[in-house]
Protein backbone atom coordinates (compact mmCIF):
# COMPACT_ATOMS: atom_id res chain seq x y z
CA MET A 1 56.99 -61.38 12.70
CA LYS A 2 57.58 -64.89 13.97
CA THR A 3 58.42 -63.47 17.35
CA HIS A 4 55.28 -61.42 17.37
CA LEU A 5 53.16 -64.46 16.40
CA LYS A 6 54.85 -66.61 19.06
CA LYS A 7 54.10 -63.96 21.71
CA LEU A 8 50.51 -63.73 20.57
CA ILE A 9 50.03 -67.53 20.69
CA LEU A 10 51.78 -67.71 24.08
CA PHE A 11 49.60 -64.92 25.42
CA ALA A 12 46.43 -66.66 24.12
CA LEU A 13 47.48 -69.99 25.69
CA ILE A 14 48.23 -68.31 29.03
CA ALA A 15 44.89 -66.51 28.96
CA LEU A 16 43.02 -69.71 28.03
CA PHE A 17 44.90 -71.77 30.60
CA SER A 18 44.41 -69.23 33.40
CA ALA A 19 40.74 -68.79 32.64
CA PHE A 20 40.09 -72.47 33.36
CA THR A 21 42.65 -73.27 36.04
CA PHE A 22 43.45 -70.21 38.03
CA VAL A 23 39.94 -69.29 39.09
CA PRO A 24 40.12 -67.62 42.46
CA PRO A 25 38.26 -69.46 45.25
CA ALA A 26 34.80 -68.25 46.19
CA HIS A 27 34.76 -65.92 49.11
CA HIS A 28 33.70 -67.40 52.39
CA ILE A 29 30.37 -65.87 53.36
CA PRO A 30 29.47 -66.38 57.01
CA GLU A 31 26.03 -67.84 57.72
CA GLN A 32 25.13 -64.93 59.91
CA ASN A 33 26.27 -61.45 59.19
CA ARG A 34 27.59 -60.07 62.46
CA PHE A 35 27.14 -56.48 61.40
CA VAL A 36 23.47 -56.56 60.39
CA PRO A 37 20.96 -57.93 62.92
CA ALA A 38 18.53 -60.53 61.62
CA ALA A 39 15.16 -59.00 60.76
CA GLN A 40 12.12 -60.59 62.32
CA TYR A 41 8.68 -59.88 60.97
CA GLU A 42 5.46 -60.48 62.83
CA LEU A 43 2.06 -60.28 61.23
CA PRO A 44 -0.36 -58.06 63.12
CA PRO A 45 -3.25 -59.81 64.81
CA VAL A 46 -6.14 -60.35 62.45
CA ASP A 47 -9.55 -59.06 63.47
CA THR A 48 -12.51 -61.32 62.79
CA LEU A 49 -16.21 -60.90 62.38
CA SER A 50 -18.38 -63.87 63.31
CA LEU A 51 -21.64 -64.44 61.45
CA SER A 52 -23.84 -67.38 62.41
CA MET A 53 -26.99 -69.08 61.18
CA THR A 54 -29.10 -71.64 62.98
CA SER A 55 -29.79 -75.24 62.07
CA LEU A 56 -33.29 -76.66 62.18
CA THR A 57 -35.64 -79.38 61.05
CA ALA A 58 -38.66 -78.52 58.89
CA SER A 59 -41.51 -80.24 57.07
CA PRO A 60 -42.05 -80.18 53.30
CA GLY A 61 -44.09 -77.09 52.30
CA GLU A 62 -43.26 -75.22 55.51
CA THR A 63 -41.92 -71.66 55.50
CA ILE A 64 -38.86 -71.19 57.72
CA CYS A 65 -36.63 -68.24 58.56
CA LEU A 66 -32.93 -68.39 59.41
CA PRO A 67 -31.57 -65.34 61.23
CA VAL A 68 -28.01 -64.21 60.57
CA THR A 69 -26.48 -63.09 63.87
CA ALA A 70 -23.19 -61.33 64.47
CA SER A 71 -20.43 -61.34 67.09
CA GLY A 72 -17.49 -58.95 67.07
CA PHE A 73 -19.46 -56.45 65.00
CA GLU A 74 -17.34 -53.40 65.92
CA LYS A 75 -17.09 -50.35 63.65
CA ILE A 76 -17.89 -52.42 60.54
CA LEU A 77 -17.84 -50.17 57.50
CA SER A 78 -18.69 -52.64 54.74
CA MET A 79 -19.19 -56.32 54.03
CA GLN A 80 -20.02 -58.53 51.09
CA TYR A 81 -20.30 -62.25 50.38
CA THR A 82 -22.58 -64.88 48.86
CA MET A 83 -25.06 -67.24 50.52
CA VAL A 84 -25.42 -70.70 48.90
CA TRP A 85 -27.93 -73.55 49.44
CA ASP A 86 -29.44 -76.48 47.53
CA PRO A 87 -32.37 -75.12 45.47
CA ALA A 88 -33.89 -78.62 45.32
CA VAL A 89 -34.45 -78.38 49.10
CA LEU A 90 -35.09 -74.66 49.76
CA ARG A 91 -36.64 -71.82 47.74
CA LEU A 92 -35.91 -68.25 48.85
CA ASN A 93 -39.16 -66.66 50.00
CA GLY A 94 -37.87 -63.29 51.29
CA ILE A 95 -35.43 -61.33 53.40
CA ASP A 96 -36.56 -59.63 56.59
CA LYS A 97 -35.58 -58.11 59.99
CA PHE A 98 -32.88 -55.76 58.74
CA GLY A 99 -30.65 -54.83 61.68
CA LEU A 100 -28.23 -52.29 60.18
CA ARG A 101 -28.58 -48.69 59.08
CA GLY A 102 -29.01 -48.58 55.30
CA LEU A 103 -29.63 -52.34 55.02
CA GLY A 104 -32.63 -53.42 52.94
CA GLU A 105 -33.75 -55.66 50.12
CA ASN A 106 -31.64 -53.68 47.63
CA ASN A 107 -28.46 -54.98 49.32
CA PHE A 108 -29.27 -58.51 48.13
CA GLY A 109 -28.86 -59.83 44.60
CA THR A 110 -31.71 -62.31 44.16
CA HIS A 111 -31.15 -62.88 40.42
CA MET A 112 -29.52 -66.29 41.10
CA ALA A 113 -31.82 -67.38 43.95
CA GLY A 114 -33.32 -70.07 41.69
CA GLU A 115 -29.81 -71.56 41.50
CA GLY A 116 -29.41 -71.41 45.28
CA LYS A 117 -27.20 -68.29 45.37
CA LEU A 118 -27.85 -64.95 47.03
CA THR A 119 -25.29 -62.17 46.75
CA PHE A 120 -24.95 -59.56 49.50
CA SER A 121 -23.24 -56.19 49.73
CA TRP A 122 -23.63 -53.48 52.40
CA TYR A 123 -21.78 -50.39 53.58
CA ASP A 124 -22.49 -47.91 56.37
CA PRO A 125 -24.12 -44.88 54.69
CA ASN A 126 -22.57 -42.61 57.35
CA LEU A 127 -19.08 -44.00 56.63
CA ARG A 128 -18.33 -44.18 60.38
CA GLY A 129 -18.72 -47.90 60.96
CA GLU A 130 -21.60 -49.70 62.66
CA SER A 131 -21.35 -51.60 65.94
CA ARG A 132 -23.79 -54.15 67.33
CA LYS A 133 -23.96 -56.26 70.50
CA ASP A 134 -22.94 -59.90 70.19
CA GLY A 135 -25.91 -62.00 69.12
CA SER A 136 -27.64 -59.17 67.25
CA VAL A 137 -29.68 -60.17 64.20
CA ILE A 138 -28.28 -58.56 61.06
CA TYR A 139 -31.03 -59.92 58.78
CA GLU A 140 -33.17 -63.00 58.33
CA LEU A 141 -33.52 -65.28 55.28
CA CYS A 142 -36.91 -66.93 54.80
CA PHE A 143 -37.32 -70.07 52.69
CA GLU A 144 -40.06 -72.38 51.54
CA VAL A 145 -39.10 -76.01 52.09
CA VAL A 146 -39.50 -77.64 48.66
CA GLY A 147 -37.45 -80.80 49.25
CA PRO A 148 -39.00 -84.12 50.23
CA ASN A 149 -38.48 -85.88 53.56
CA ASP A 150 -34.97 -87.16 54.30
CA THR A 151 -33.27 -84.40 52.31
CA SER A 152 -31.15 -81.62 53.75
CA THR A 153 -29.02 -78.66 52.78
CA GLY A 154 -26.51 -76.34 54.30
CA VAL A 155 -26.91 -72.59 53.96
CA HIS A 156 -23.31 -71.48 53.49
CA PHE A 157 -21.42 -68.20 53.55
CA ALA A 158 -19.47 -68.45 50.29
CA ASN A 159 -16.79 -66.67 48.28
CA GLN A 160 -18.38 -66.89 44.84
CA PRO A 161 -19.69 -65.15 42.81
CA THR A 162 -19.37 -62.24 45.27
CA ILE A 163 -16.14 -62.64 47.22
CA ILE A 164 -16.05 -62.39 51.00
CA GLU A 165 -14.77 -58.98 52.01
CA ILE A 166 -15.31 -57.20 55.33
CA SER A 167 -13.72 -53.91 56.38
CA ASN A 168 -13.91 -51.69 59.42
CA ALA A 169 -13.69 -47.94 59.98
CA LEU A 170 -9.96 -48.25 60.75
CA GLY A 171 -9.31 -49.36 57.17
CA LYS A 172 -8.59 -52.98 58.14
CA PHE A 173 -9.92 -56.02 56.34
CA LEU A 174 -11.40 -58.63 58.65
CA VAL A 175 -11.60 -62.40 58.38
CA LEU A 176 -15.08 -63.94 58.36
CA ASN A 177 -15.59 -66.62 60.98
CA ALA A 178 -18.78 -68.20 59.64
CA THR A 179 -21.13 -70.73 61.21
CA ASP A 180 -23.28 -72.05 58.38
CA GLY A 181 -26.93 -72.95 58.80
CA HIS A 182 -28.42 -76.35 58.05
CA VAL A 183 -31.97 -77.46 57.26
CA LYS A 184 -33.10 -81.07 57.50
CA VAL A 185 -36.44 -81.97 55.91
CA GLU A 186 -38.43 -84.35 58.07
CA GLY A 187 -42.11 -84.52 59.01
CA LYS A 188 -45.54 -84.20 57.50
CA GLY A 189 -45.77 -82.41 54.21
């Protein structure tokens, strides 16, 4: 039994000793695998839709309209976003000059207009995608200038509460290239 115990202790010592000292070296892994070519990924070009508003100067109490014009409006199937402005300077008075099939007042959420937010959502009712010449008016926002002289506000394309999302008939999402409008209040009121 002593012999058996000695063998067992010797075996345990060898196992313990080898576990901490005789660890085989890590394999050398080459930086580049010669057998598998390196993969290169390129992102496809991103299509953009440009929407622009004008900038102008207005007098207190005046009614002004800012057209929204488009460039690159090719086979657009749907779009949505939010328009934002300072309600202490401008009060939404109406939406006019609808330039797309199926576009009307019902495409605009005016429930937050008193806070300076207007939500927008439109899709082509024919589900084919609409195209327009560069510079075409998509719609026009009309405001009453309620701010005093020496005030101003931007009229911005925004991502909240309705996120910016534009898609075309090819199933691609487009990036919005926006030129915001700006109104400066100056003059007789």
